[in-house]
PDB file of N, CA and C in Angstrom:
ATOM      1  N   UNK A   1     -16.509 105.446  79.720  1.00  0.00           N
ATOM      2  CA  UNK A   1     -17.563 105.048  80.753  1.00  0.00           C
ATOM      3  C   UNK A   1     -17.149 103.903  81.528  1.00  0.00           C
ATOM      4  N   UNK A   2     -16.791 103.722  82.871  1.00  0.00           N
ATOM      5  CA  UNK A   2     -16.671 102.358  83.466  1.00  0.00           C
ATOM      6  C   UNK A   2     -17.205 101.930  84.658  1.00  0.00           C
ATOM      7  N   UNK A   3     -17.961 101.172  85.039  1.00  0.00           N
ATOM      8  CA  UNK A   3     -18.409 100.615  85.910  1.00  0.00           C
ATOM      9  C   UNK A   3     -19.786 101.626  86.326  1.00  0.00           C
ATOM     10  N   UNK A   4     -20.714 101.843  85.101  1.00  0.00           N
ATOM     11  CA  UNK A   4     -21.480 103.213  85.404  1.00  0.00           C
ATOM     12  C   UNK A   4     -21.041 104.381  85.924  1.00  0.00           C
ATOM     13  N   UNK A   5     -19.579 104.804  85.838  1.00  0.00           N
ATOM     14  CA  UNK A   5     -19.686 106.344  85.734  1.00  0.00           C
ATOM     15  C   UNK A   5     -18.742 106.652  84.673  1.00  0.00           C
ATOM     16  N   UNK A   6     -19.001 108.025  84.205  1.00  0.00           N
ATOM     17  CA  UNK A   6     -17.709 108.521  83.435  1.00  0.00           C
ATOM     18  C   UNK A   6     -17.076 109.566  84.166  1.00  0.00           C
ATOM     19  N   UNK A   7     -15.711 108.807  83.643  1.00  0.00           N
ATOM     20  CA  UNK A   7     -14.405 109.677  84.271  1.00  0.00           C
ATOM     21  C   UNK A   7     -14.116 110.664  83.169  1.00  0.00           C
ATOM     22  N   UNK A   8     -14.780 111.259  82.046  1.00  0.00           N
ATOM     23  CA  UNK A   8     -14.366 111.933  81.175  1.00  0.00           C
ATOM     24  C   UNK A   8     -13.934 111.411  79.567  1.00  0.00           C
ATOM     25  N   UNK A   9     -13.945 112.744  78.874  1.00  0.00           N
ATOM     26  CA  UNK A   9     -13.696 112.358  77.542  1.00  0.00           C
ATOM     27  C   UNK A   9     -11.758 112.289  77.372  1.00  0.00           C
ATOM     28  N   UNK A  10     -11.091 112.275  76.140  1.00  0.00           N
ATOM     29  CA  UNK A  10      -9.829 112.163  76.448  1.00  0.00           C
ATOM     30  C   UNK A  10      -9.020 113.637  77.250  1.00  0.00           C
ATOM     31  N   UNK A  11      -9.532 114.360  76.659  1.00  0.00           N
ATOM     32  CA  UNK A  11      -9.233 115.930  76.843  1.00  0.00           C
ATOM     33  C   UNK A  11     -10.010 116.035  78.472  1.00  0.00           C
ATOM     34  N   UNK A  12     -10.564 115.440  79.129  1.00  0.00           N
ATOM     35  CA  UNK A  12     -10.758 115.504  80.517  1.00  0.00           C
ATOM     36  C   UNK A  12      -9.878 114.848  81.335  1.00  0.00           C
ATOM     37  N   UNK A  13      -9.685 113.576  81.059  1.00  0.00           N
ATOM     38  CA  UNK A  13      -8.601 112.829  81.374  1.00  0.00           C
ATOM     39  C   UNK A  13      -7.110 113.355  81.527  1.00  0.00           C
ATOM     40  N   UNK A  14      -6.684 113.795  80.397  1.00  0.00           N
ATOM     41  CA  UNK A  14      -5.637 114.605  80.648  1.00  0.00           C
ATOM     42  C   UNK A  14      -5.629 115.661  81.254  1.00  0.00           C
ATOM     43  N   UNK A  15      -6.469 116.613  81.406  1.00  0.00           N
ATOM     44  CA  UNK A  15      -6.577 117.842  82.393  1.00  0.00           C
ATOM     45  C   UNK A  15      -6.657 117.351  83.718  1.00  0.00           C
ATOM     46  N   UNK A  16      -7.132 116.404  83.865  1.00  0.00           N
ATOM     47  CA  UNK A  16      -7.582 116.053  85.469  1.00  0.00           C
ATOM     48  C   UNK A  16      -9.024 116.221  86.179  1.00  0.00           C
ATOM     49  N   UNK A  17      -9.854 116.745  85.194  1.00  0.00           N
ATOM     50  CA  UNK A  17     -11.069 117.236  85.536  1.00  0.00           C
ATOM     51  C   UNK A  17     -12.197 116.656  84.610  1.00  0.00           C
ATOM     52  N   UNK A  18     -13.377 116.857  84.416  1.00  0.00           N
ATOM     53  CA  UNK A  18     -14.350 116.873  83.631  1.00  0.00           C
ATOM     54  C   UNK A  18     -14.612 118.300  83.213  1.00  0.00           C
ATOM     55  N   UNK A  19     -14.864 118.624  81.969  1.00  0.00           N
ATOM     56  CA  UNK A  19     -14.788 119.809  81.280  1.00  0.00           C
ATOM     57  C   UNK A  19     -16.546 120.170  81.332  1.00  0.00           C
ATOM     58  N   UNK A  20     -17.203 120.859  82.101  1.00  0.00           N
ATOM     59  CA  UNK A  20     -18.502 121.364  81.915  1.00  0.00           C
ATOM     60  C   UNK A  20     -18.949 122.333  81.276  1.00  0.00           C
ATOM     61  N   UNK A  21     -20.000 122.966  80.947  1.00  0.00           N
ATOM     62  CA  UNK A  21     -20.158 124.514  80.025  1.00  0.00           C
ATOM     63  C   UNK A  21     -21.786 124.541  80.917  1.00  0.00           C
ATOM     64  N   UNK A  22     -22.144 125.597  80.955  1.00  0.00           N
ATOM     65  CA  UNK A  22     -23.234 126.356  81.164  1.00  0.00           C
ATOM     66  C   UNK A  22     -24.191 126.422  79.898  1.00  0.00           C
ATOM     67  N   UNK A  23     -25.553 126.284  79.910  1.00  0.00           N
ATOM     68  CA  UNK A  23     -26.331 126.491  78.561  1.00  0.00           C
ATOM     69  C   UNK A  23     -25.810 127.366  77.910  1.00  0.00           C
ATOM     70  N   UNK A  24     -25.399 128.740  78.215  1.00  0.00           N
ATOM     71  CA  UNK A  24     -24.447 129.822  77.510  1.00  0.00           C
ATOM     72  C   UNK A  24     -23.474 129.820  76.750  1.00  0.00           C
ATOM     73  N   UNK A  25     -22.812 128.457  77.120  1.00  0.00           N
ATOM     74  CA  UNK A  25     -21.211 128.398  76.949  1.00  0.00           C
ATOM     75  C   UNK A  25     -21.116 126.894  75.829  1.00  0.00           C
ATOM     76  N   UNK A  26     -22.106 126.137  75.996  1.00  0.00           N
ATOM     77  CA  UNK A  26     -22.407 124.827  75.408  1.00  0.00           C
ATOM     78  C   UNK A  26     -22.186 124.826  73.846  1.00  0.00           C
ATOM     79  N   UNK A  27     -22.875 125.967  72.942  1.00  0.00           N
ATOM     80  CA  UNK A  27     -22.586 125.947  71.604  1.00  0.00           C
ATOM     81  C   UNK A  27     -20.890 126.186  71.029  1.00  0.00           C
ATOM     82  N   UNK A  28     -20.461 127.447  71.778  1.00  0.00           N
ATOM     83  CA  UNK A  28     -18.842 127.521  71.788  1.00  0.00           C
ATOM     84  C   UNK A  28     -17.897 126.309  71.981  1.00  0.00           C
ATOM     85  N   UNK A  29     -18.224 125.844  72.973  1.00  0.00           N
ATOM     86  CA  UNK A  29     -17.785 124.714  73.664  1.00  0.00           C
ATOM     87  C   UNK A  29     -17.866 123.522  72.229  1.00  0.00           C
ATOM     88  N   UNK A  30     -18.770 123.213  72.076  1.00  0.00           N
ATOM     89  CA  UNK A  30     -18.787 122.231  70.931  1.00  0.00           C
ATOM     90  C   UNK A  30     -18.194 122.390  69.930  1.00  0.00           C
ATOM     91  N   UNK A  31     -18.412 123.461  69.021  1.00  0.00           N
ATOM     92  CA  UNK A  31     -17.427 124.272  68.077  1.00  0.00           C
ATOM     93  C   UNK A  31     -16.170 123.978  68.184  1.00  0.00           C
ATOM     94  N   UNK A  32     -15.393 124.403  69.418  1.00  0.00           N
ATOM     95  CA  UNK A  32     -14.148 124.529  69.684  1.00  0.00           C
ATOM     96  C   UNK A  32     -13.501 123.019  70.077  1.00  0.00           C
ATOM     97  N   UNK A  33     -13.880 122.133  70.693  1.00  0.00           N
ATOM     98  CA  UNK A  33     -13.763 121.316  71.173  1.00  0.00           C
ATOM     99  C   UNK A  33     -14.041 119.518  70.275  1.00  0.00           C
ATOM    100  N   UNK A  34     -15.293 120.091  69.661  1.00  0.00           N
ATOM    101  CA  UNK A  34     -15.896 118.635  69.250  1.00  0.00           C
ATOM    102  C   UNK A  34     -16.397 118.798  67.750  1.00  0.00           C
ATOM    103  N   UNK A  35     -15.910 119.841  67.002  1.00  0.00           N
ATOM    104  CA  UNK A  35     -16.176 120.128  65.740  1.00  0.00           C
ATOM    105  C   UNK A  35     -16.351 118.947  64.828  1.00  0.00           C
ATOM    106  N   UNK A  36     -17.383 118.853  63.968  1.00  0.00           N
ATOM    107  CA  UNK A  36     -17.513 117.655  63.051  1.00  0.00           C
ATOM    108  C   UNK A  36     -17.775 116.287  63.705  1.00  0.00           C
ATOM    109  N   UNK A  37     -18.025 116.289  65.349  1.00  0.00           N
ATOM    110  CA  UNK A  37     -18.310 115.151  65.739  1.00  0.00           C
ATOM    111  C   UNK A  37     -19.813 114.991  65.901  1.00  0.00           C
ATOM    112  N   UNK A  38     -20.358 113.884  65.041  1.00  0.00           N
ATOM    113  CA  UNK A  38     -21.422 113.439  65.103  1.00  0.00           C
ATOM    114  C   UNK A  38     -22.436 112.504  66.110  1.00  0.00           C
ATOM    115  N   UNK A  39     -21.652 111.726  66.944  1.00  0.00           N
ATOM    116  CA  UNK A  39     -21.945 110.683  68.109  1.00  0.00           C
ATOM    117  C   UNK A  39     -22.166 111.576  69.451  1.00  0.00           C
ATOM    118  N   UNK A  40     -22.565 113.013  69.381  1.00  0.00           N
ATOM    119  CA  UNK A  40     -22.381 113.465  70.864  1.00  0.00           C
ATOM    120  C   UNK A  40     -24.080 113.446  71.269  1.00  0.00           C
ATOM    121  N   UNK A  41     -23.763 113.681  72.760  1.00  0.00           N
ATOM    122  CA  UNK A  41     -24.984 113.485  73.796  1.00  0.00           C
ATOM    123  C   UNK A  41     -24.816 114.809  74.507  1.00  0.00           C
ATOM    124  N   UNK A  42     -25.861 115.288  74.475  1.00  0.00           N
ATOM    125  CA  UNK A  42     -26.032 116.471  75.409  1.00  0.00           C
ATOM    126  C   UNK A  42     -26.713 116.488  76.810  1.00  0.00           C
ATOM    127  N   UNK A  43     -26.279 116.616  77.781  1.00  0.00           N
ATOM    128  CA  UNK A  43     -26.616 116.523  78.837  1.00  0.00           C
ATOM    129  C   UNK A  43     -27.272 117.505  79.810  1.00  0.00           C
ATOM    130  N   UNK A  44     -27.864 117.290  80.819  1.00  0.00           N
ATOM    131  CA  UNK A  44     -27.863 118.449  81.914  1.00  0.00           C
ATOM    132  C   UNK A  44     -28.006 117.866  83.122  1.00  0.00           C
ATOM    133  N   UNK A  45     -27.043 118.328  84.061  1.00  0.00           N
ATOM    134  CA  UNK A  45     -26.732 117.891  84.988  1.00  0.00           C
ATOM    135  C   UNK A  45     -26.924 119.084  86.455  1.00  0.00           C
ATOM    136  N   UNK A  46     -27.830 118.981  87.279  1.00  0.00           N
ATOM    137  CA  UNK A  46     -27.989 119.818  88.293  1.00  0.00           C
ATOM    138  C   UNK A  46     -26.635 119.948  89.109  1.00  0.00           C
ATOM    139  N   UNK A  47     -26.454 121.420  89.205  1.00  0.00           N
ATOM    140  CA  UNK A  47     -24.940 121.214  90.192  1.00  0.00           C
ATOM    141  C   UNK A  47     -25.133 120.980  91.706  1.00  0.00           C
ATOM    142  N   UNK A  48     -26.410 120.907  92.192  1.00  0.00           N
ATOM    143  CA  UNK A  48     -26.370 120.708  93.474  1.00  0.00           C
ATOM    144  C   UNK A  48     -25.614 119.535  94.158  1.00  0.00           C
ATOM    145  N   UNK A  49     -26.281 118.302  93.030  1.00  0.00           N
ATOM    146  CA  UNK A  49     -25.608 117.044  93.662  1.00  0.00           C
ATOM    147  C   UNK A  49     -24.213 116.796  93.507  1.00  0.00           C
ATOM    148  N   UNK A  50     -23.362 117.731  92.677  1.00  0.00           N
ATOM    149  CA  UNK A  50     -21.962 117.425  92.592  1.00  0.00           C
ATOM    150  C   UNK A  50     -21.342 117.980  93.638  1.00  0.00           C
ATOM    151  N   UNK A  51     -21.915 118.904  94.555  1.00  0.00           N
ATOM    152  CA  UNK A  51     -21.194 119.602  95.841  1.00  0.00           C
ATOM    153  C   UNK A  51     -19.935 119.893  95.612  1.00  0.00           C
ATOM    154  N   UNK A  52     -18.694 119.779  96.150  1.00  0.00           N
ATOM    155  CA  UNK A  52     -17.591 120.461  96.442  1.00  0.00           C
ATOM    156  C   UNK A  52     -16.549 120.240  95.477  1.00  0.00           C
ATOM    157  N   UNK A  53     -16.761 118.829  94.433  1.00  0.00           N
ATOM    158  CA  UNK A  53     -16.313 118.593  93.465  1.00  0.00           C
ATOM    159  C   UNK A  53     -16.434 119.435  92.260  1.00  0.00           C
ATOM    160  N   UNK A  54     -17.600 120.169  92.194  1.00  0.00           N
ATOM    161  CA  UNK A  54     -17.829 121.143  91.060  1.00  0.00           C
ATOM    162  C   UNK A  54     -17.216 122.516  91.304  1.00  0.00           C
ATOM    163  N   UNK A  55     -16.076 122.668  90.865  1.00  0.00           N
ATOM    164  CA  UNK A  55     -15.306 123.999  90.889  1.00  0.00           C
ATOM    165  C   UNK A  55     -15.845 125.203  89.351  1.00  0.00           C
ATOM    166  N   UNK A  56     -15.952 126.336  90.033  1.00  0.00           N
ATOM    167  CA  UNK A  56     -16.010 127.169  88.826  1.00  0.00           C
ATOM    168  C   UNK A  56     -14.499 127.831  88.806  1.00  0.00           C
ATOM    169  N   UNK A  57     -14.199 127.854  87.552  1.00  0.00           N
ATOM    170  CA  UNK A  57     -12.580 128.414  87.399  1.00  0.00           C
ATOM    171  C   UNK A  57     -12.658 129.159  85.675  1.00  0.00           C
ATOM    172  N   UNK A  58     -12.003 130.125  86.308  1.00  0.00           N
ATOM    173  CA  UNK A  58     -12.092 131.002  85.046  1.00  0.00           C
ATOM    174  C   UNK A  58     -10.934 130.190  83.917  1.00  0.00           C
ATOM    175  N   UNK A  59     -11.594 130.762  82.552  1.00  0.00           N
ATOM    176  CA  UNK A  59     -11.065 129.635  81.427  1.00  0.00           C
ATOM    177  C   UNK A  59     -11.345 130.749  79.976  1.00  0.00           C
ATOM    178  N   UNK A  60     -11.700 130.274  79.083  1.00  0.00           N
ATOM    179  CA  UNK A  60     -11.936 131.221  78.162  1.00  0.00           C
ATOM    180  C   UNK A  60     -12.311 132.418  77.691  1.00  0.00           C
ATOM    181  N   UNK A  61     -11.363 133.519  77.683  1.00  0.00           N
ATOM    182  CA  UNK A  61     -12.215 134.736  77.850  1.00  0.00           C
ATOM    183  C   UNK A  61     -12.295 135.134  79.138  1.00  0.00           C
ATOM    184  N   UNK A  62     -11.796 134.596  79.950  1.00  0.00           N
ATOM    185  CA  UNK A  62     -11.943 135.309  81.110  1.00  0.00           C
ATOM    186  C   UNK A  62     -13.340 134.728  81.933  1.00  0.00           C
ATOM    187  N   UNK A  63     -14.231 133.842  81.242  1.00  0.00           N
ATOM    188  CA  UNK A  63     -15.478 133.480  81.810  1.00  0.00           C
ATOM    189  C   UNK A  63     -15.036 132.318  82.753  1.00  0.00           C
ATOM    190  N   UNK A  64     -16.435 132.192  83.550  1.00  0.00           N
ATOM    191  CA  UNK A  64     -16.173 130.964  84.719  1.00  0.00           C
ATOM    192  C   UNK A  64     -16.531 129.691  84.111  1.00  0.00           C
ATOM    193  N   UNK A  65     -16.124 128.575  84.053  1.00  0.00           N
ATOM    194  CA  UNK A  65     -16.663 127.628  83.446  1.00  0.00           C
ATOM    195  C   UNK A  65     -16.617 126.600  84.934  1.00  0.00           C
ATOM    196  N   UNK A  66     -17.521 125.731  84.749  1.00  0.00           N
ATOM    197  CA  UNK A  66     -17.702 124.679  85.708  1.00  0.00           C
ATOM    198  C   UNK A  66     -16.657 123.116  85.119  1.00  0.00           C
ATOM    199  N   UNK A  67     -15.956 122.753  86.603  1.00  0.00           N
ATOM    200  CA  UNK A  67     -15.063 121.674  86.196  1.00  0.00           C
ATOM    201  C   UNK A  67     -15.557 120.881  87.346  1.00  0.00           C
ATOM    202  N   UNK A  68     -15.589 119.479  86.940  1.00  0.00           N
ATOM    203  CA  UNK A  68     -15.743 118.535  87.831  1.00  0.00           C
ATOM    204  C   UNK A  68     -14.852 117.483  88.204  1.00  0.00           C
ATOM    205  N   UNK A  69     -13.998 117.878  89.321  1.00  0.00           N
ATOM    206  CA  UNK A  69     -13.006 116.725  90.034  1.00  0.00           C
ATOM    207  C   UNK A  69     -13.404 115.608  90.879  1.00  0.00           C
ATOM    208  N   UNK A  70     -14.152 114.703  89.430  1.00  0.00           N
ATOM    209  CA  UNK A  70     -14.617 113.856  90.281  1.00  0.00           C
ATOM    210  C   UNK A  70     -15.124 112.765  88.937  1.00  0.00           C
ATOM    211  N   UNK A  71     -15.716 111.529  89.388  1.00  0.00           N
ATOM    212  CA  UNK A  71     -16.325 110.814  88.165  1.00  0.00           C
ATOM    213  C   UNK A  71     -17.718 111.419  88.032  1.00  0.00           C
ATOM    214  N   UNK A  72     -18.062 111.435  87.212  1.00  0.00           N
ATOM    215  CA  UNK A  72     -19.682 111.634  87.002  1.00  0.00           C
ATOM    216  C   UNK A  72     -20.505 110.317  86.820  1.00  0.00           C
ATOM    217  N   UNK A  73     -21.666 110.401  87.674  1.00  0.00           N
ATOM    218  CA  UNK A  73     -22.651 109.227  87.777  1.00  0.00           C
ATOM    219  C   UNK A  73     -23.906 110.069  86.560  1.00  0.00           C
ATOM    220  N   UNK A  74     -23.839 109.015  85.658  1.00  0.00           N
ATOM    221  CA  UNK A  74     -24.822 109.346  84.581  1.00  0.00           C
ATOM    222  C   UNK A  74     -26.060 109.552  85.093  1.00  0.00           C
ATOM    223  N   UNK A  75     -26.708 108.912  86.371  1.00  0.00           N
ATOM    224  CA  UNK A  75     -28.078 109.074  86.477  1.00  0.00           C
ATOM    225  C   UNK A  75     -28.255 110.090  87.020  1.00  0.00           C
ATOM    226  N   UNK A  76     -27.415 111.153  87.461  1.00  0.00           N
ATOM    227  CA  UNK A  76     -27.768 112.634  87.708  1.00  0.00           C
ATOM    228  C   UNK A  76     -28.225 113.414  86.555  1.00  0.00           C
ATOM    229  N   UNK A  77     -28.110 112.925  85.433  1.00  0.00           N
ATOM    230  CA  UNK A  77     -28.251 113.754  84.478  1.00  0.00           C
ATOM    231  C   UNK A  77     -29.917 113.942  84.508  1.00  0.00           C
ATOM    232  N   UNK A  78     -30.484 114.939  84.317  1.00  0.00           N
ATOM    233  CA  UNK A  78     -32.014 115.307  84.406  1.00  0.00           C
ATOM    234  C   UNK A  78     -32.538 115.224  82.958  1.00  0.00           C
ATOM    235  N   UNK A  79     -31.914 115.105  81.809  1.00  0.00           N
ATOM    236  CA  UNK A  79     -32.360 114.849  80.683  1.00  0.00           C
ATOM    237  C   UNK A  79     -30.987 114.646  79.443  1.00  0.00           C
ATOM    238  N   UNK A  80     -31.076 113.932  78.760  1.00  0.00           N
ATOM    239  CA  UNK A  80     -29.911 113.660  77.734  1.00  0.00           C
ATOM    240  C   UNK A  80     -30.632 113.484  76.113  1.00  0.00           C
ATOM    241  N   UNK A  81     -29.802 114.730  75.184  1.00  0.00           N
ATOM    242  CA  UNK A  81     -30.622 114.470  73.890  1.00  0.00           C
ATOM    243  C   UNK A  81     -29.020 114.457  73.433  1.00  0.00           C
ATOM    244  N   UNK A  82     -29.410 113.687  71.841  1.00  0.00           N
ATOM    245  CA  UNK A  82     -28.737 113.673  70.694  1.00  0.00           C
ATOM    246  C   UNK A  82     -28.058 115.165  70.551  1.00  0.00           C
ATOM    247  N   UNK A  83     -26.986 115.404  69.960  1.00  0.00           N
ATOM    248  CA  UNK A  83     -26.317 116.501  69.599  1.00  0.00           C
ATOM    249  C   UNK A  83     -26.040 116.353  68.153  1.00  0.00           C
ATOM    250  N   UNK A  84     -26.759 116.220  67.231  1.00  0.00           N
ATOM    251  CA  UNK A  84     -26.327 116.190  65.593  1.00  0.00           C
ATOM    252  C   UNK A  84     -25.850 117.151  65.031  1.00  0.00           C
ATOM    253  N   UNK A  85     -25.400 116.705  63.834  1.00  0.00           N
ATOM    254  CA  UNK A  85     -24.505 117.887  62.823  1.00  0.00           C
ATOM    255  C   UNK A  85     -25.818 118.453  61.729  1.00  0.00           C
ATOM    256  N   UNK A  86     -25.641 119.969  61.851  1.00  0.00           N
ATOM    257  CA  UNK A  86     -26.493 120.080  60.610  1.00  0.00           C
ATOM    258  C   UNK A  86     -25.916 120.129  59.392  1.00  0.00           C
ATOM    259  N   UNK A  87     -26.459 120.448  58.340  1.00  0.00           N
ATOM    260  CA  UNK A  87     -26.157 120.239  56.915  1.00  0.00           C
ATOM    261  C   UNK A  87     -24.831 121.003  56.794  1.00  0.00           C
ATOM    262  N   UNK A  88     -24.581 122.307  57.643  1.00  0.00           N
ATOM    263  CA  UNK A  88     -23.401 123.085  57.864  1.00  0.00           C
ATOM    264  C   UNK A  88     -22.247 122.737  58.215  1.00  0.00           C
ATOM    265  N   UNK A  89     -22.547 121.335  59.313  1.00  0.00           N
ATOM    266  CA  UNK A  89     -21.261 120.901  59.794  1.00  0.00           C
ATOM    267  C   UNK A  89     -21.387 121.251  61.279  1.00  0.00           C
ATOM    268  N   UNK A  90     -21.994 122.209  61.575  1.00  0.00           N
ATOM    269  CA  UNK A  90     -22.340 122.934  63.140  1.00  0.00           C
ATOM    270  C   UNK A  90     -23.219 121.912  63.842  1.00  0.00           C
ATOM    271  N   UNK A  91     -23.164 121.896  65.096  1.00  0.00           N
ATOM    272  CA  UNK A  91     -24.367 121.044  65.647  1.00  0.00           C
ATOM    273  C   UNK A  91     -25.634 121.614  65.856  1.00  0.00           C
ATOM    274  N   UNK A  92     -26.531 120.900  65.946  1.00  0.00           N
ATOM    275  CA  UNK A  92     -27.814 121.285  66.207  1.00  0.00           C
ATOM    276  C   UNK A  92     -28.363 121.280  67.671  1.00  0.00           C
ATOM    277  N   UNK A  93     -28.515 122.487  68.327  1.00  0.00           N
ATOM    278  CA  UNK A  93     -28.844 122.196  70.010  1.00  0.00           C
ATOM    279  C   UNK A  93     -30.287 122.312  70.142  1.00  0.00           C
ATOM    280  N   UNK A  94     -30.468 121.328  70.770  1.00  0.00           N
ATOM    281  CA  UNK A  94     -32.038 121.125  71.285  1.00  0.00           C
ATOM    282  C   UNK A  94     -32.371 122.531  72.406  1.00  0.00           C
ATOM    283  N   UNK A  95     -33.299 122.568  72.488  1.00  0.00           N
ATOM    284  CA  UNK A  95     -33.971 123.532  73.563  1.00  0.00           C
ATOM    285  C   UNK A  95     -33.219 123.139  74.956  1.00  0.00           C
ATOM    286  N   UNK A  96     -32.616 124.007  75.832  1.00  0.00           N
ATOM    287  CA  UNK A  96     -32.309 123.578  77.172  1.00  0.00           C
ATOM    288  C   UNK A  96     -33.034 123.106  77.992  1.00  0.00           C
ATOM    289  N   UNK A  97     -33.507 122.453  78.674  1.00  0.00           N
ATOM    290  CA  UNK A  97     -34.663 121.845  79.825  1.00  0.00           C
ATOM    291  C   UNK A  97     -34.230 122.319  81.261  1.00  0.00           C
ATOM    292  N   UNK A  98     -34.659 122.626  82.043  1.00  0.00           N
ATOM    293  CA  UNK A  98     -34.171 122.691  83.486  1.00  0.00           C
ATOM    294  C   UNK A  98     -34.027 121.587  84.188  1.00  0.00           C
TER     295      UNK A  98
END
């Protein structure tokens, strides 16, 4: 994060966009890309304010994933919650809020 914007995790910077997931995709994404990380925060961002910078593209298993081709203004998040690890080492997801 620099100057009030999030430019992405290292994988995002490498790929040239910020990887997003839908509520239904988030658990699999966390397990695949962030296994064992205990310092994560889960945020919800509405898609409308992202405009044309948000593209839905085919990814894992042919599913469409949202990718943001711009820095993210954290003020757009409607909520943010910690994403802790459970005793089994898997992330414990909170209830998603719209």
